[in-house]
PDB file of N, CA and C in Angstrom:
ATOM      1  N   MET A   1      17.686  44.277 -29.764  1.00  0.00           N
ATOM      2  CA  MET A   1      17.092  42.964 -29.599  1.00  0.00           C
ATOM      3  C   MET A   1      18.193  41.975 -29.271  1.00  0.00           C
ATOM      4  N   SER A   2      17.977  41.147 -28.314  1.00  0.00           N
ATOM      5  CA  SER A   2      18.942  40.133 -27.930  1.00  0.00           C
ATOM      6  C   SER A   2      18.297  38.769 -28.101  1.00  0.00           C
ATOM      7  N   LEU A   3      19.072  37.847 -28.649  1.00  0.00           N
ATOM      8  CA  LEU A   3      18.533  36.518 -28.905  1.00  0.00           C
ATOM      9  C   LEU A   3      19.596  35.497 -28.586  1.00  0.00           C
ATOM     10  N   ASN A   4      19.268  34.514 -27.799  1.00  0.00           N
ATOM     11  CA  ASN A   4      20.170  33.420 -27.500  1.00  0.00           C
ATOM     12  C   ASN A   4      19.945  32.343 -28.547  1.00  0.00           C
ATOM     13  N   CYS A   5      20.782  32.340 -29.565  1.00  0.00           N
ATOM     14  CA  CYS A   5      20.583  31.428 -30.697  1.00  0.00           C
ATOM     15  C   CYS A   5      20.785  29.971 -30.314  1.00  0.00           C
ATOM     16  N   SER A   6      21.509  29.707 -29.248  1.00  0.00           N
ATOM     17  CA  SER A   6      21.714  28.316 -28.868  1.00  0.00           C
ATOM     18  C   SER A   6      20.418  27.660 -28.406  1.00  0.00           C
ATOM     19  N   SER A   7      19.422  28.463 -28.040  1.00  0.00           N
ATOM     20  CA  SER A   7      18.157  27.899 -27.594  1.00  0.00           C
ATOM     21  C   SER A   7      17.153  27.758 -28.733  1.00  0.00           C
ATOM     22  N   VAL A   8      17.530  28.214 -29.921  1.00  0.00           N
ATOM     23  CA  VAL A   8      16.632  28.129 -31.064  1.00  0.00           C
ATOM     24  C   VAL A   8      16.751  26.745 -31.681  1.00  0.00           C
ATOM     25  N   SER A   9      15.636  26.126 -31.938  1.00  0.00           N
ATOM     26  CA  SER A   9      15.656  24.815 -32.561  1.00  0.00           C
ATOM     27  C   SER A   9      14.773  24.832 -33.798  1.00  0.00           C
ATOM     28  N   SER A  10      14.945  23.824 -34.614  1.00  0.00           N
ATOM     29  CA  SER A  10      14.120  23.721 -35.809  1.00  0.00           C
ATOM     30  C   SER A  10      12.688  23.383 -35.420  1.00  0.00           C
ATOM     31  N   ASN A  11      11.755  23.928 -36.167  1.00  0.00           N
ATOM     32  CA  ASN A  11      10.359  23.617 -35.953  1.00  0.00           C
ATOM     33  C   ASN A  11       9.818  23.061 -37.256  1.00  0.00           C
ATOM     34  N   ALA A  12      10.064  21.776 -37.460  1.00  0.00           N
ATOM     35  CA  ALA A  12       9.686  21.130 -38.708  1.00  0.00           C
ATOM     36  C   ALA A  12       8.188  21.176 -38.959  1.00  0.00           C
ATOM     37  N   ALA A  13       7.396  21.257 -37.894  1.00  0.00           N
ATOM     38  CA  ALA A  13       5.946  21.277 -38.066  1.00  0.00           C
ATOM     39  C   ALA A  13       5.484  22.481 -38.876  1.00  0.00           C
ATOM     40  N   ILE A  14       6.209  23.584 -38.778  1.00  0.00           N
ATOM     41  CA  ILE A  14       5.837  24.767 -39.559  1.00  0.00           C
ATOM     42  C   ILE A  14       6.831  25.035 -40.687  1.00  0.00           C
ATOM     43  N   GLY A  15       7.771  24.124 -40.915  1.00  0.00           N
ATOM     44  CA  GLY A  15       8.715  24.266 -42.015  1.00  0.00           C
ATOM     45  C   GLY A  15       9.766  25.330 -41.787  1.00  0.00           C
ATOM     46  N   LEU A  16      10.190  25.526 -40.541  1.00  0.00           N
ATOM     47  CA  LEU A  16      11.213  26.505 -40.199  1.00  0.00           C
ATOM     48  C   LEU A  16      12.424  25.772 -39.638  1.00  0.00           C
ATOM     49  N   TYR A  17      13.582  25.957 -40.276  1.00  0.00           N
ATOM     50  CA  TYR A  17      14.794  25.248 -39.893  1.00  0.00           C
ATOM     51  C   TYR A  17      15.906  26.252 -39.606  1.00  0.00           C
ATOM     52  N   ALA A  18      16.540  26.119 -38.448  1.00  0.00           N
ATOM     53  CA  ALA A  18      17.624  27.021 -38.045  1.00  0.00           C
ATOM     54  C   ALA A  18      18.925  26.612 -38.721  1.00  0.00           C
ATOM     55  N   PHE A  19      19.696  27.609 -39.137  1.00  0.00           N
ATOM     56  CA  PHE A  19      21.031  27.391 -39.700  1.00  0.00           C
ATOM     57  C   PHE A  19      21.950  28.445 -39.097  1.00  0.00           C
ATOM     58  N   ASP A  20      22.842  28.028 -38.198  1.00  0.00           N
ATOM     59  CA  ASP A  20      23.760  28.947 -37.532  1.00  0.00           C
ATOM     60  C   ASP A  20      25.119  28.875 -38.225  1.00  0.00           C
ATOM     61  N   ALA A  21      25.401  29.866 -39.065  1.00  0.00           N
ATOM     62  CA  ALA A  21      26.640  29.882 -39.847  1.00  0.00           C
ATOM     63  C   ALA A  21      27.868  30.136 -38.981  1.00  0.00           C
ATOM     64  N   ARG A  22      27.691  30.661 -37.802  1.00  0.00           N
ATOM     65  CA  ARG A  22      28.820  31.001 -36.944  1.00  0.00           C
ATOM     66  C   ARG A  22      29.605  29.769 -36.499  1.00  0.00           C
ATOM     67  N   GLY A  23      28.990  28.613 -36.518  1.00  0.00           N
ATOM     68  CA  GLY A  23      29.669  27.400 -36.084  1.00  0.00           C
ATOM     69  C   GLY A  23      30.311  26.620 -37.211  1.00  0.00           C
ATOM     70  N   ILE A  24      30.325  27.169 -38.410  1.00  0.00           N
ATOM     71  CA  ILE A  24      30.875  26.475 -39.570  1.00  0.00           C
ATOM     72  C   ILE A  24      32.151  27.189 -40.011  1.00  0.00           C
ATOM     73  N   ALA A  25      33.185  26.428 -40.303  1.00  0.00           N
ATOM     74  CA  ALA A  25      34.445  27.017 -40.765  1.00  0.00           C
ATOM     75  C   ALA A  25      34.179  27.909 -41.973  1.00  0.00           C
ATOM     76  N   LYS A  26      34.805  29.071 -41.995  1.00  0.00           N
ATOM     77  CA  LYS A  26      34.534  30.060 -43.037  1.00  0.00           C
ATOM     78  C   LYS A  26      34.711  29.503 -44.443  1.00  0.00           C
ATOM     79  N   ARG A  27      35.677  28.643 -44.652  1.00  0.00           N
ATOM     80  CA  ARG A  27      35.925  28.134 -46.004  1.00  0.00           C
ATOM     81  C   ARG A  27      34.816  27.203 -46.501  1.00  0.00           C
ATOM     82  N   PHE A  28      33.964  26.713 -45.579  1.00  0.00           N
ATOM     83  CA  PHE A  28      32.887  25.800 -45.959  1.00  0.00           C
ATOM     84  C   PHE A  28      31.500  26.440 -45.895  1.00  0.00           C
ATOM     85  N   ARG A  29      31.394  27.657 -45.389  1.00  0.00           N
ATOM     86  CA  ARG A  29      30.085  28.254 -45.124  1.00  0.00           C
ATOM     87  C   ARG A  29      29.187  28.351 -46.347  1.00  0.00           C
ATOM     88  N   HIS A  30      29.672  28.934 -47.425  1.00  0.00           N
ATOM     89  CA  HIS A  30      28.798  29.148 -48.577  1.00  0.00           C
ATOM     90  C   HIS A  30      28.305  27.824 -49.144  1.00  0.00           C
ATOM     91  N   SER A  31      29.189  26.847 -49.248  1.00  0.00           N
ATOM     92  CA  SER A  31      28.766  25.530 -49.751  1.00  0.00           C
ATOM     93  C   SER A  31      27.712  24.906 -48.849  1.00  0.00           C
ATOM     94  N   ALA A  32      27.902  25.036 -47.537  1.00  0.00           N
ATOM     95  CA  ALA A  32      26.931  24.471 -46.590  1.00  0.00           C
ATOM     96  C   ALA A  32      25.588  25.180 -46.699  1.00  0.00           C
ATOM     97  N   ILE A  33      25.619  26.488 -46.870  1.00  0.00           N
ATOM     98  CA  ILE A  33      24.381  27.260 -46.996  1.00  0.00           C
ATOM     99  C   ILE A  33      23.647  26.892 -48.282  1.00  0.00           C
ATOM    100  N   PHE A  34      24.379  26.791 -49.384  1.00  0.00           N
ATOM    101  CA  PHE A  34      23.752  26.394 -50.648  1.00  0.00           C
ATOM    102  C   PHE A  34      23.137  25.005 -50.529  1.00  0.00           C
ATOM    103  N   GLY A  35      23.843  24.089 -49.881  1.00  0.00           N
ATOM    104  CA  GLY A  35      23.320  22.738 -49.680  1.00  0.00           C
ATOM    105  C   GLY A  35      22.057  22.740 -48.842  1.00  0.00           C
ATOM    106  N   ALA A  36      22.042  23.555 -47.797  1.00  0.00           N
ATOM    107  CA  ALA A  36      20.851  23.639 -46.947  1.00  0.00           C
ATOM    108  C   ALA A  36      19.672  24.202 -47.727  1.00  0.00           C
ATOM    109  N   LEU A  37      19.904  25.232 -48.528  1.00  0.00           N
ATOM    110  CA  LEU A  37      18.818  25.804 -49.337  1.00  0.00           C
ATOM    111  C   LEU A  37      18.327  24.799 -50.376  1.00  0.00           C
ATOM    112  N   ASP A  38      19.247  24.052 -50.979  1.00  0.00           N
ATOM    113  CA  ASP A  38      18.863  23.019 -51.952  1.00  0.00           C
ATOM    114  C   ASP A  38      17.994  21.946 -51.318  1.00  0.00           C
ATOM    115  N   ALA A  39      18.181  21.705 -50.022  1.00  0.00           N
ATOM    116  CA  ALA A  39      17.447  20.644 -49.334  1.00  0.00           C
ATOM    117  C   ALA A  39      16.032  21.048 -48.932  1.00  0.00           C
ATOM    118  N   LEU A  40      15.733  22.345 -48.967  1.00  0.00           N
ATOM    119  CA  LEU A  40      14.400  22.807 -48.575  1.00  0.00           C
ATOM    120  C   LEU A  40      13.370  22.509 -49.652  1.00  0.00           C
ATOM    121  N   ASN A  41      12.172  22.209 -49.219  1.00  0.00           N
ATOM    122  CA  ASN A  41      11.033  22.021 -50.116  1.00  0.00           C
ATOM    123  C   ASN A  41      10.266  23.334 -50.233  1.00  0.00           C
ATOM    124  N   PRO A  42       9.471  23.499 -51.288  1.00  0.00           N
ATOM    125  CA  PRO A  42       8.652  24.711 -51.400  1.00  0.00           C
ATOM    126  C   PRO A  42       7.816  24.939 -50.142  1.00  0.00           C
ATOM    127  N   GLY A  43       7.818  26.184 -49.675  1.00  0.00           N
ATOM    128  CA  GLY A  43       7.082  26.546 -48.479  1.00  0.00           C
ATOM    129  C   GLY A  43       7.900  26.473 -47.206  1.00  0.00           C
ATOM    130  N   GLU A  44       9.092  25.890 -47.260  1.00  0.00           N
ATOM    131  CA  GLU A  44       9.938  25.790 -46.080  1.00  0.00           C
ATOM    132  C   GLU A  44      10.883  26.988 -45.997  1.00  0.00           C
ATOM    133  N   THR A  45      11.312  27.281 -44.768  1.00  0.00           N
ATOM    134  CA  THR A  45      12.162  28.436 -44.500  1.00  0.00           C
ATOM    135  C   THR A  45      13.392  28.024 -43.713  1.00  0.00           C
ATOM    136  N   MET A  46      14.530  28.581 -44.092  1.00  0.00           N
ATOM    137  CA  MET A  46      15.759  28.428 -43.329  1.00  0.00           C
ATOM    138  C   MET A  46      16.008  29.749 -42.596  1.00  0.00           C
ATOM    139  N   ARG A  47      16.057  29.699 -41.268  1.00  0.00           N
ATOM    140  CA  ARG A  47      16.385  30.885 -40.479  1.00  0.00           C
ATOM    141  C   ARG A  47      17.893  30.878 -40.264  1.00  0.00           C
ATOM    142  N   PHE A  48      18.549  31.853 -40.850  1.00  0.00           N
ATOM    143  CA  PHE A  48      20.004  31.953 -40.928  1.00  0.00           C
ATOM    144  C   PHE A  48      20.523  32.905 -39.855  1.00  0.00           C
ATOM    145  N   TYR A  49      21.499  32.450 -39.081  1.00  0.00           N
ATOM    146  CA  TYR A  49      22.122  33.253 -38.026  1.00  0.00           C
ATOM    147  C   TYR A  49      23.585  33.493 -38.389  1.00  0.00           C
ATOM    148  N   ASN A  50      24.027  34.749 -38.256  1.00  0.00           N
ATOM    149  CA  ASN A  50      25.416  35.076 -38.561  1.00  0.00           C
ATOM    150  C   ASN A  50      25.845  36.263 -37.706  1.00  0.00           C
ATOM    151  N   ASP A  51      27.155  36.501 -37.658  1.00  0.00           N
ATOM    152  CA  ASP A  51      27.673  37.615 -36.867  1.00  0.00           C
ATOM    153  C   ASP A  51      27.948  38.860 -37.712  1.00  0.00           C
ATOM    154  N   HIS A  52      27.741  38.762 -39.015  1.00  0.00           N
ATOM    155  CA  HIS A  52      27.915  39.919 -39.898  1.00  0.00           C
ATOM    156  C   HIS A  52      26.925  39.820 -41.054  1.00  0.00           C
ATOM    157  N   ASP A  53      26.684  40.948 -41.700  1.00  0.00           N
ATOM    158  CA  ASP A  53      25.751  40.995 -42.828  1.00  0.00           C
ATOM    159  C   ASP A  53      26.438  40.383 -44.054  1.00  0.00           C
ATOM    160  N   PRO A  54      25.946  39.275 -44.573  1.00  0.00           N
ATOM    161  CA  PRO A  54      26.639  38.535 -45.627  1.00  0.00           C
ATOM    162  C   PRO A  54      26.274  39.019 -47.037  1.00  0.00           C
ATOM    163  N   LEU A  55      26.541  40.259 -47.339  1.00  0.00           N
ATOM    164  CA  LEU A  55      26.113  40.836 -48.619  1.00  0.00           C
ATOM    165  C   LEU A  55      26.637  40.068 -49.839  1.00  0.00           C
ATOM    166  N   PRO A  56      27.920  39.658 -49.888  1.00  0.00           N
ATOM    167  CA  PRO A  56      28.360  38.856 -51.047  1.00  0.00           C
ATOM    168  C   PRO A  56      27.586  37.540 -51.163  1.00  0.00           C
ATOM    169  N   LEU A  57      27.311  36.894 -50.041  1.00  0.00           N
ATOM    170  CA  LEU A  57      26.529  35.655 -50.047  1.00  0.00           C
ATOM    171  C   LEU A  57      25.131  35.900 -50.593  1.00  0.00           C
ATOM    172  N   LEU A  58      24.502  36.993 -50.189  1.00  0.00           N
ATOM    173  CA  LEU A  58      23.149  37.300 -50.664  1.00  0.00           C
ATOM    174  C   LEU A  58      23.129  37.460 -52.183  1.00  0.00           C
ATOM    175  N   ALA A  59      24.149  38.087 -52.729  1.00  0.00           N
ATOM    176  CA  ALA A  59      24.246  38.228 -54.185  1.00  0.00           C
ATOM    177  C   ALA A  59      24.409  36.864 -54.850  1.00  0.00           C
ATOM    178  N   GLN A  60      25.198  35.992 -54.243  1.00  0.00           N
ATOM    179  CA  GLN A  60      25.381  34.637 -54.789  1.00  0.00           C
ATOM    180  C   GLN A  60      24.080  33.845 -54.728  1.00  0.00           C
ATOM    181  N   ILE A  61      23.346  33.975 -53.637  1.00  0.00           N
ATOM    182  CA  ILE A  61      22.068  33.272 -53.517  1.00  0.00           C
ATOM    183  C   ILE A  61      21.093  33.776 -54.573  1.00  0.00           C
ATOM    184  N   ALA A  62      21.026  35.085 -54.760  1.00  0.00           N
ATOM    185  CA  ALA A  62      20.133  35.655 -55.783  1.00  0.00           C
ATOM    186  C   ALA A  62      20.501  35.142 -57.163  1.00  0.00           C
ATOM    187  N   SER A  63      21.782  35.061 -57.445  1.00  0.00           N
ATOM    188  CA  SER A  63      22.236  34.587 -58.751  1.00  0.00           C
ATOM    189  C   SER A  63      21.939  33.102 -58.947  1.00  0.00           C
ATOM    190  N   ARG A  64      22.165  32.329 -57.912  1.00  0.00           N
ATOM    191  CA  ARG A  64      22.007  30.867 -58.014  1.00  0.00           C
ATOM    192  C   ARG A  64      20.552  30.413 -57.973  1.00  0.00           C
ATOM    193  N   PHE A  65      19.738  31.029 -57.106  1.00  0.00           N
ATOM    194  CA  PHE A  65      18.379  30.562 -56.886  1.00  0.00           C
ATOM    195  C   PHE A  65      17.311  31.435 -57.525  1.00  0.00           C
ATOM    196  N   GLY A  66      17.653  32.667 -57.867  1.00  0.00           N
ATOM    197  CA  GLY A  66      16.693  33.561 -58.511  1.00  0.00           C
ATOM    198  C   GLY A  66      15.445  33.761 -57.675  1.00  0.00           C
ATOM    199  N   GLU A  67      14.308  33.735 -58.316  1.00  0.00           N
ATOM    200  CA  GLU A  67      13.023  33.997 -57.655  1.00  0.00           C
ATOM    201  C   GLU A  67      12.520  32.842 -56.806  1.00  0.00           C
ATOM    202  N   ARG A  68      13.221  31.708 -56.823  1.00  0.00           N
ATOM    203  CA  ARG A  68      12.811  30.571 -55.984  1.00  0.00           C
ATOM    204  C   ARG A  68      12.965  30.877 -54.499  1.00  0.00           C
ATOM    205  N   VAL A  69      13.875  31.788 -54.164  1.00  0.00           N
ATOM    206  CA  VAL A  69      14.148  32.103 -52.763  1.00  0.00           C
ATOM    207  C   VAL A  69      13.777  33.552 -52.476  1.00  0.00           C
ATOM    208  N   THR A  70      12.997  33.748 -51.421  1.00  0.00           N
ATOM    209  CA  THR A  70      12.751  35.105 -50.939  1.00  0.00           C
ATOM    210  C   THR A  70      13.483  35.262 -49.616  1.00  0.00           C
ATOM    211  N   MET A  71      13.860  36.490 -49.308  1.00  0.00           N
ATOM    212  CA  MET A  71      14.672  36.770 -48.149  1.00  0.00           C
ATOM    213  C   MET A  71      14.033  37.868 -47.318  1.00  0.00           C
ATOM    214  N   ALA A  72      14.097  37.721 -45.982  1.00  0.00           N
ATOM    215  CA  ALA A  72      13.592  38.754 -45.081  1.00  0.00           C
ATOM    216  C   ALA A  72      14.496  38.828 -43.852  1.00  0.00           C
ATOM    217  N   TYR A  73      14.996  40.031 -43.576  1.00  0.00           N
ATOM    218  CA  TYR A  73      15.781  40.234 -42.354  1.00  0.00           C
ATOM    219  C   TYR A  73      14.846  40.172 -41.154  1.00  0.00           C
ATOM    220  N   ILE A  74      15.244  39.409 -40.154  1.00  0.00           N
ATOM    221  CA  ILE A  74      14.540  39.338 -38.883  1.00  0.00           C
ATOM    222  C   ILE A  74      15.251  40.247 -37.877  1.00  0.00           C
ATOM    223  N   ALA A  75      16.575  40.260 -37.925  1.00  0.00           N
ATOM    224  CA  ALA A  75      17.398  41.147 -37.100  1.00  0.00           C
ATOM    225  C   ALA A  75      18.591  41.574 -37.935  1.00  0.00           C
ATOM    226  N   ARG A  76      18.954  42.846 -37.808  1.00  0.00           N
ATOM    227  CA  ARG A  76      20.073  43.368 -38.599  1.00  0.00           C
ATOM    228  C   ARG A  76      20.821  44.394 -37.752  1.00  0.00           C
ATOM    229  N   GLY A  77      21.530  43.893 -36.757  1.00  0.00           N
ATOM    230  CA  GLY A  77      22.286  44.752 -35.865  1.00  0.00           C
ATOM    231  C   GLY A  77      23.746  44.347 -35.843  1.00  0.00           C
ATOM    232  N   ALA A  78      24.544  45.173 -35.211  1.00  0.00           N
ATOM    233  CA  ALA A  78      25.971  44.883 -35.104  1.00  0.00           C
ATOM    234  C   ALA A  78      26.182  43.549 -34.385  1.00  0.00           C
ATOM    235  N   GLY A  79      26.811  42.628 -35.068  1.00  0.00           N
ATOM    236  CA  GLY A  79      27.105  41.323 -34.476  1.00  0.00           C
ATOM    237  C   GLY A  79      25.954  40.356 -34.423  1.00  0.00           C
ATOM    238  N   GLU A  80      24.795  40.746 -34.932  1.00  0.00           N
ATOM    239  CA  GLU A  80      23.622  39.866 -34.896  1.00  0.00           C
ATOM    240  C   GLU A  80      22.800  40.034 -36.166  1.00  0.00           C
ATOM    241  N   ILE A  81      22.928  39.062 -37.042  1.00  0.00           N
ATOM    242  CA  ILE A  81      22.169  39.046 -38.281  1.00  0.00           C
ATOM    243  C   ILE A  81      21.307  37.793 -38.286  1.00  0.00           C
ATOM    244  N   ILE A  82      20.018  37.985 -38.522  1.00  0.00           N
ATOM    245  CA  ILE A  82      19.105  36.848 -38.674  1.00  0.00           C
ATOM    246  C   ILE A  82      18.297  37.106 -39.934  1.00  0.00           C
ATOM    247  N   ILE A  83      18.328  36.139 -40.855  1.00  0.00           N
ATOM    248  CA  ILE A  83      17.639  36.268 -42.128  1.00  0.00           C
ATOM    249  C   ILE A  83      16.822  35.011 -42.373  1.00  0.00           C
ATOM    250  N   ASP A  84      15.584  35.182 -42.793  1.00  0.00           N
ATOM    251  CA  ASP A  84      14.773  34.046 -43.222  1.00  0.00           C
ATOM    252  C   ASP A  84      14.877  33.917 -44.733  1.00  0.00           C
ATOM    253  N   PHE A  85      15.261  32.728 -45.182  1.00  0.00           N
ATOM    254  CA  PHE A  85      15.264  32.382 -46.602  1.00  0.00           C
ATOM    255  C   PHE A  85      14.143  31.386 -46.827  1.00  0.00           C
ATOM    256  N   ARG A  86      13.202  31.722 -47.681  1.00  0.00           N
ATOM    257  CA  ARG A  86      12.053  30.864 -47.942  1.00  0.00           C
ATOM    258  C   ARG A  86      12.079  30.382 -49.390  1.00  0.00           C
ATOM    259  N   ILE A  87      11.849  29.105 -49.550  1.00  0.00           N
ATOM    260  CA  ILE A  87      11.748  28.527 -50.894  1.00  0.00           C
ATOM    261  C   ILE A  87      10.295  28.661 -51.325  1.00  0.00           C
ATOM    262  N   ASP A  88      10.068  29.390 -52.412  1.00  0.00           N
ATOM    263  CA  ASP A  88       8.707  29.658 -52.851  1.00  0.00           C
ATOM    264  C   ASP A  88       8.192  28.643 -53.875  1.00  0.00           C
ATOM    265  N   HIS A  89       9.019  28.169 -54.727  1.00  0.00           N
ATOM    266  CA  HIS A  89       8.588  27.180 -55.729  1.00  0.00           C
ATOM    267  C   HIS A  89       9.764  26.456 -56.273  1.00  0.00           C
TER     268      HIS A  89
END
């Protein structure tokens, strides 16, 4: 699957917001991601784009947010990771 992430935009009408981690300095990524998740309201989703599978980050999100956040891989290939994080309550 190939996806041009630069053409993806937020669709606030359905509560889907794009977050491209590839454009954020590595030392700030986790803080920026946590801030973005904190800003979501119940029922909203952050579509996360990255160039690698962020397994340590996923563990941190699970620890910090618990059952409030559900996660679903949209794409999981070499160099292309897309994950939807949804705030449930």
